[in-house]
């Protein structure tokens, strides 16, 4: 997911986010029989949650950038249309 986000590909990262949520749900409710296995899984879950939160914040930043680009494009389009009407 971080690789996709580093390229600014928010759409692919969102797909991975949904997959990760399912994996995290499974990891949060392990059927581990030993405490050591449970501790290892708990550490893994905490690491996954940390990475997921980092990626979520990156997704928000990419989303805001998409919105800025869209707004800029719409303003240019409206300006061009307005200038064409006045000429």
N, C-alpha and C. Protein backbone atom coordinates (compact mmCIF):
# COMPACT_ATOMS: atom_id res chain seq x y z
N UNK A 1 0.83 -1.18 0.00
CA UNK A 1 0.00 0.00 0.00
C UNK A 1 0.88 1.25 0.00
N UNK A 2 1.94 1.21 0.78
CA UNK A 2 2.82 2.37 0.83
C UNK A 2 3.46 2.65 -0.53
N UNK A 3 3.75 1.58 -1.28
CA UNK A 3 4.32 1.76 -2.61
C UNK A 3 3.34 2.49 -3.51
N UNK A 4 2.06 2.06 -3.50
CA UNK A 4 1.05 2.73 -4.32
C UNK A 4 0.90 4.19 -3.91
N UNK A 5 0.92 4.43 -2.61
CA UNK A 5 0.76 5.80 -2.12
C UNK A 5 1.95 6.66 -2.51
N UNK A 6 3.14 6.08 -2.55
CA UNK A 6 4.32 6.86 -2.91
C UNK A 6 4.23 7.32 -4.36
N UNK A 7 3.48 6.58 -5.20
CA UNK A 7 3.26 6.99 -6.58
C UNK A 7 2.02 7.88 -6.72
N UNK A 8 1.30 8.10 -5.63
CA UNK A 8 0.09 8.91 -5.68
C UNK A 8 -1.11 8.15 -6.18
N UNK A 9 -1.05 6.82 -6.17
CA UNK A 9 -2.14 5.99 -6.65
C UNK A 9 -3.07 5.65 -5.49
N UNK A 10 -3.96 6.58 -5.17
CA UNK A 10 -4.87 6.40 -4.05
C UNK A 10 -5.90 5.32 -4.27
N UNK A 11 -6.31 5.12 -5.55
CA UNK A 11 -7.35 4.13 -5.83
C UNK A 11 -6.88 2.72 -5.50
N UNK A 12 -5.67 2.37 -5.89
CA UNK A 12 -5.15 1.04 -5.58
C UNK A 12 -4.93 0.88 -4.08
N UNK A 13 -4.49 1.95 -3.44
CA UNK A 13 -4.26 1.89 -2.00
C UNK A 13 -5.56 1.68 -1.23
N UNK A 14 -6.65 2.26 -1.73
CA UNK A 14 -7.95 2.07 -1.06
C UNK A 14 -8.36 0.60 -1.11
N UNK A 15 -8.13 -0.05 -2.25
CA UNK A 15 -8.46 -1.48 -2.36
C UNK A 15 -7.68 -2.29 -1.33
N UNK A 16 -6.41 -1.96 -1.18
CA UNK A 16 -5.58 -2.67 -0.22
C UNK A 16 -6.04 -2.38 1.21
N UNK A 17 -6.50 -1.14 1.45
CA UNK A 17 -7.00 -0.78 2.78
C UNK A 17 -8.14 -1.69 3.18
N UNK A 18 -9.08 -1.94 2.28
CA UNK A 18 -10.21 -2.81 2.61
C UNK A 18 -9.74 -4.23 2.89
N UNK A 19 -8.76 -4.71 2.14
CA UNK A 19 -8.21 -6.04 2.39
C UNK A 19 -7.52 -6.08 3.75
N UNK A 20 -6.77 -5.03 4.07
CA UNK A 20 -6.06 -4.98 5.35
C UNK A 20 -7.03 -4.96 6.53
N UNK A 21 -8.14 -4.27 6.39
CA UNK A 21 -9.11 -4.22 7.48
C UNK A 21 -9.61 -5.62 7.81
N UNK A 22 -9.85 -6.42 6.80
CA UNK A 22 -10.31 -7.79 7.03
C UNK A 22 -9.23 -8.61 7.72
N UNK A 23 -7.98 -8.43 7.28
CA UNK A 23 -6.86 -9.16 7.89
C UNK A 23 -6.69 -8.73 9.34
N UNK A 24 -6.78 -7.42 9.60
CA UNK A 24 -6.63 -6.93 10.97
C UNK A 24 -7.73 -7.48 11.87
N UNK A 25 -8.95 -7.57 11.36
CA UNK A 25 -10.04 -8.15 12.14
C UNK A 25 -9.73 -9.60 12.52
N UNK A 26 -9.18 -10.35 11.57
CA UNK A 26 -8.83 -11.74 11.86
C UNK A 26 -7.70 -11.83 12.88
N UNK A 27 -6.73 -10.92 12.78
CA UNK A 27 -5.60 -10.95 13.70
C UNK A 27 -5.98 -10.48 15.10
N UNK A 28 -6.97 -9.61 15.20
CA UNK A 28 -7.37 -9.12 16.51
C UNK A 28 -8.11 -10.18 17.33
N UNK A 29 -8.60 -11.21 16.66
CA UNK A 29 -9.32 -12.28 17.35
C UNK A 29 -8.65 -13.62 17.05
N UNK A 30 -7.40 -13.76 17.50
CA UNK A 30 -6.67 -14.99 17.18
C UNK A 30 -7.19 -16.19 17.98
N UNK A 31 -6.96 -17.33 17.41
CA UNK A 31 -7.30 -18.58 18.11
C UNK A 31 -6.02 -19.23 18.62
N UNK A 32 -5.11 -18.39 19.07
CA UNK A 32 -3.82 -18.88 19.56
C UNK A 32 -4.02 -19.63 20.88
N UNK A 33 -3.32 -20.75 21.01
CA UNK A 33 -3.47 -21.56 22.21
C UNK A 33 -2.41 -21.22 23.24
N UNK A 34 -1.31 -20.63 22.81
CA UNK A 34 -0.23 -20.33 23.73
C UNK A 34 -0.09 -18.82 23.88
N UNK A 35 0.33 -18.41 25.07
CA UNK A 35 0.51 -16.99 25.33
C UNK A 35 1.58 -16.38 24.43
N UNK A 36 2.64 -17.14 24.16
CA UNK A 36 3.72 -16.60 23.32
C UNK A 36 3.22 -16.35 21.90
N UNK A 37 2.40 -17.27 21.39
CA UNK A 37 1.82 -17.07 20.06
C UNK A 37 0.91 -15.85 20.06
N UNK A 38 0.14 -15.71 21.14
CA UNK A 38 -0.75 -14.57 21.24
C UNK A 38 0.04 -13.27 21.29
N UNK A 39 1.15 -13.24 22.03
CA UNK A 39 1.99 -12.05 22.12
C UNK A 39 2.58 -11.68 20.76
N UNK A 40 3.02 -12.68 20.02
CA UNK A 40 3.56 -12.43 18.68
C UNK A 40 2.48 -11.87 17.76
N UNK A 41 1.30 -12.46 17.81
CA UNK A 41 0.20 -11.96 16.99
C UNK A 41 -0.21 -10.55 17.41
N UNK A 42 -0.21 -10.29 18.70
CA UNK A 42 -0.57 -8.97 19.20
C UNK A 42 0.43 -7.92 18.70
N UNK A 43 1.72 -8.27 18.72
CA UNK A 43 2.74 -7.36 18.20
C UNK A 43 2.53 -7.11 16.72
N UNK A 44 2.23 -8.17 15.99
CA UNK A 44 1.97 -8.05 14.56
C UNK A 44 0.76 -7.16 14.30
N UNK A 45 -0.29 -7.34 15.08
CA UNK A 45 -1.49 -6.52 14.93
C UNK A 45 -1.17 -5.05 15.18
N UNK A 46 -0.42 -4.77 16.22
CA UNK A 46 -0.06 -3.38 16.52
C UNK A 46 0.77 -2.77 15.40
N UNK A 47 1.69 -3.55 14.84
CA UNK A 47 2.48 -3.06 13.71
C UNK A 47 1.59 -2.78 12.50
N UNK A 48 0.67 -3.70 12.23
CA UNK A 48 -0.25 -3.52 11.10
C UNK A 48 -1.13 -2.29 11.30
N UNK A 49 -1.62 -2.10 12.49
CA UNK A 49 -2.46 -0.94 12.78
C UNK A 49 -1.66 0.34 12.58
N UNK A 50 -0.43 0.35 13.01
CA UNK A 50 0.43 1.53 12.84
C UNK A 50 0.63 1.86 11.37
N UNK A 51 0.93 0.83 10.58
CA UNK A 51 1.12 1.03 9.14
C UNK A 51 -0.18 1.49 8.49
N UNK A 52 -1.29 0.90 8.91
CA UNK A 52 -2.59 1.27 8.36
C UNK A 52 -2.92 2.73 8.66
N UNK A 53 -2.64 3.18 9.87
CA UNK A 53 -2.90 4.58 10.23
C UNK A 53 -2.04 5.52 9.41
N UNK A 54 -0.79 5.14 9.20
CA UNK A 54 0.12 5.96 8.39
C UNK A 54 -0.40 6.06 6.96
N UNK A 55 -0.82 4.93 6.41
CA UNK A 55 -1.34 4.91 5.05
C UNK A 55 -2.66 5.69 4.94
N UNK A 56 -3.49 5.58 5.97
CA UNK A 56 -4.75 6.34 5.96
C UNK A 56 -4.49 7.84 5.89
N UNK A 57 -3.50 8.31 6.64
CA UNK A 57 -3.20 9.74 6.61
C UNK A 57 -2.64 10.13 5.24
N UNK A 58 -1.86 9.23 4.63
CA UNK A 58 -1.36 9.51 3.29
C UNK A 58 -2.50 9.54 2.28
N UNK A 59 -3.49 8.66 2.45
CA UNK A 59 -4.65 8.66 1.56
C UNK A 59 -5.42 9.97 1.66
N UNK A 60 -5.55 10.48 2.87
CA UNK A 60 -6.24 11.75 3.06
C UNK A 60 -5.49 12.85 2.31
N UNK A 61 -4.17 12.86 2.44
CA UNK A 61 -3.36 13.88 1.76
C UNK A 61 -3.51 13.77 0.25
N UNK A 62 -3.49 12.55 -0.28
CA UNK A 62 -3.66 12.36 -1.72
C UNK A 62 -5.05 12.79 -2.15
N UNK A 63 -6.04 12.47 -1.36
CA UNK A 63 -7.41 12.86 -1.67
C UNK A 63 -7.54 14.39 -1.73
N UNK A 64 -6.93 15.06 -0.79
CA UNK A 64 -6.97 16.53 -0.80
C UNK A 64 -6.27 17.09 -2.04
N UNK A 65 -5.18 16.44 -2.44
CA UNK A 65 -4.47 16.88 -3.65
C UNK A 65 -5.34 16.68 -4.89
N UNK A 66 -6.05 15.54 -4.95
CA UNK A 66 -6.97 15.31 -6.06
C UNK A 66 -8.04 16.39 -6.11
N UNK A 67 -8.57 16.76 -4.95
CA UNK A 67 -9.60 17.79 -4.89
C UNK A 67 -9.05 19.13 -5.37
N UNK A 68 -7.83 19.46 -4.98
CA UNK A 68 -7.21 20.72 -5.43
C UNK A 68 -7.07 20.73 -6.94
N UNK A 69 -6.58 19.61 -7.50
CA UNK A 69 -6.42 19.53 -8.95
C UNK A 69 -7.76 19.66 -9.66
N UNK A 70 -8.78 19.01 -9.13
CA UNK A 70 -10.10 19.08 -9.73
C UNK A 70 -10.63 20.51 -9.68
N UNK A 71 -10.49 21.17 -8.54
CA UNK A 71 -10.95 22.55 -8.42
C UNK A 71 -10.21 23.47 -9.38
N UNK A 72 -8.90 23.28 -9.49
CA UNK A 72 -8.11 24.10 -10.42
C UNK A 72 -8.60 23.90 -11.85
N UNK A 73 -8.83 22.65 -12.22
CA UNK A 73 -9.30 22.34 -13.58
C UNK A 73 -10.68 22.97 -13.82
N UNK A 74 -11.57 22.86 -12.84
CA UNK A 74 -12.91 23.42 -13.00
C UNK A 74 -12.86 24.94 -13.13
N UNK A 75 -12.01 25.59 -12.35
CA UNK A 75 -11.88 27.05 -12.43
C UNK A 75 -11.35 27.47 -13.80
N UNK A 76 -10.33 26.77 -14.29
CA UNK A 76 -9.79 27.08 -15.61
C UNK A 76 -10.85 26.89 -16.69
N UNK A 77 -11.62 25.83 -16.55
CA UNK A 77 -12.67 25.55 -17.54
C UNK A 77 -13.74 26.64 -17.51
N UNK A 78 -14.16 27.05 -16.31
CA UNK A 78 -15.16 28.10 -16.20
C UNK A 78 -14.62 29.43 -16.73
N UNK A 79 -13.38 29.73 -16.45
CA UNK A 79 -12.77 30.96 -16.93
C UNK A 79 -12.70 30.96 -18.45
N UNK A 80 -12.29 29.84 -19.02
CA UNK A 80 -12.20 29.72 -20.47
C UNK A 80 -13.60 29.90 -21.09
N UNK A 81 -14.59 29.28 -20.50
CA UNK A 81 -15.97 29.41 -21.00
C UNK A 81 -16.45 30.85 -20.89
N UNK A 82 -16.15 31.48 -19.79
CA UNK A 82 -16.55 32.87 -19.58
C UNK A 82 -15.88 33.79 -20.59
N UNK A 83 -14.59 33.60 -20.83
CA UNK A 83 -13.85 34.43 -21.77
C UNK A 83 -14.34 34.23 -23.21
N UNK A 84 -14.72 33.00 -23.54
CA UNK A 84 -15.23 32.72 -24.89
C UNK A 84 -16.59 33.39 -25.09
N UNK A 85 -17.41 33.48 -24.07
CA UNK A 85 -18.71 34.11 -24.19
C UNK A 85 -18.58 35.63 -24.37
N UNK A 86 -17.56 36.21 -23.78
CA UNK A 86 -17.37 37.65 -23.81
C UNK A 86 -16.60 38.13 -25.04
N UNK A 87 -16.14 37.22 -25.89
CA UNK A 87 -15.41 37.65 -27.07
C UNK A 87 -16.24 37.60 -28.32
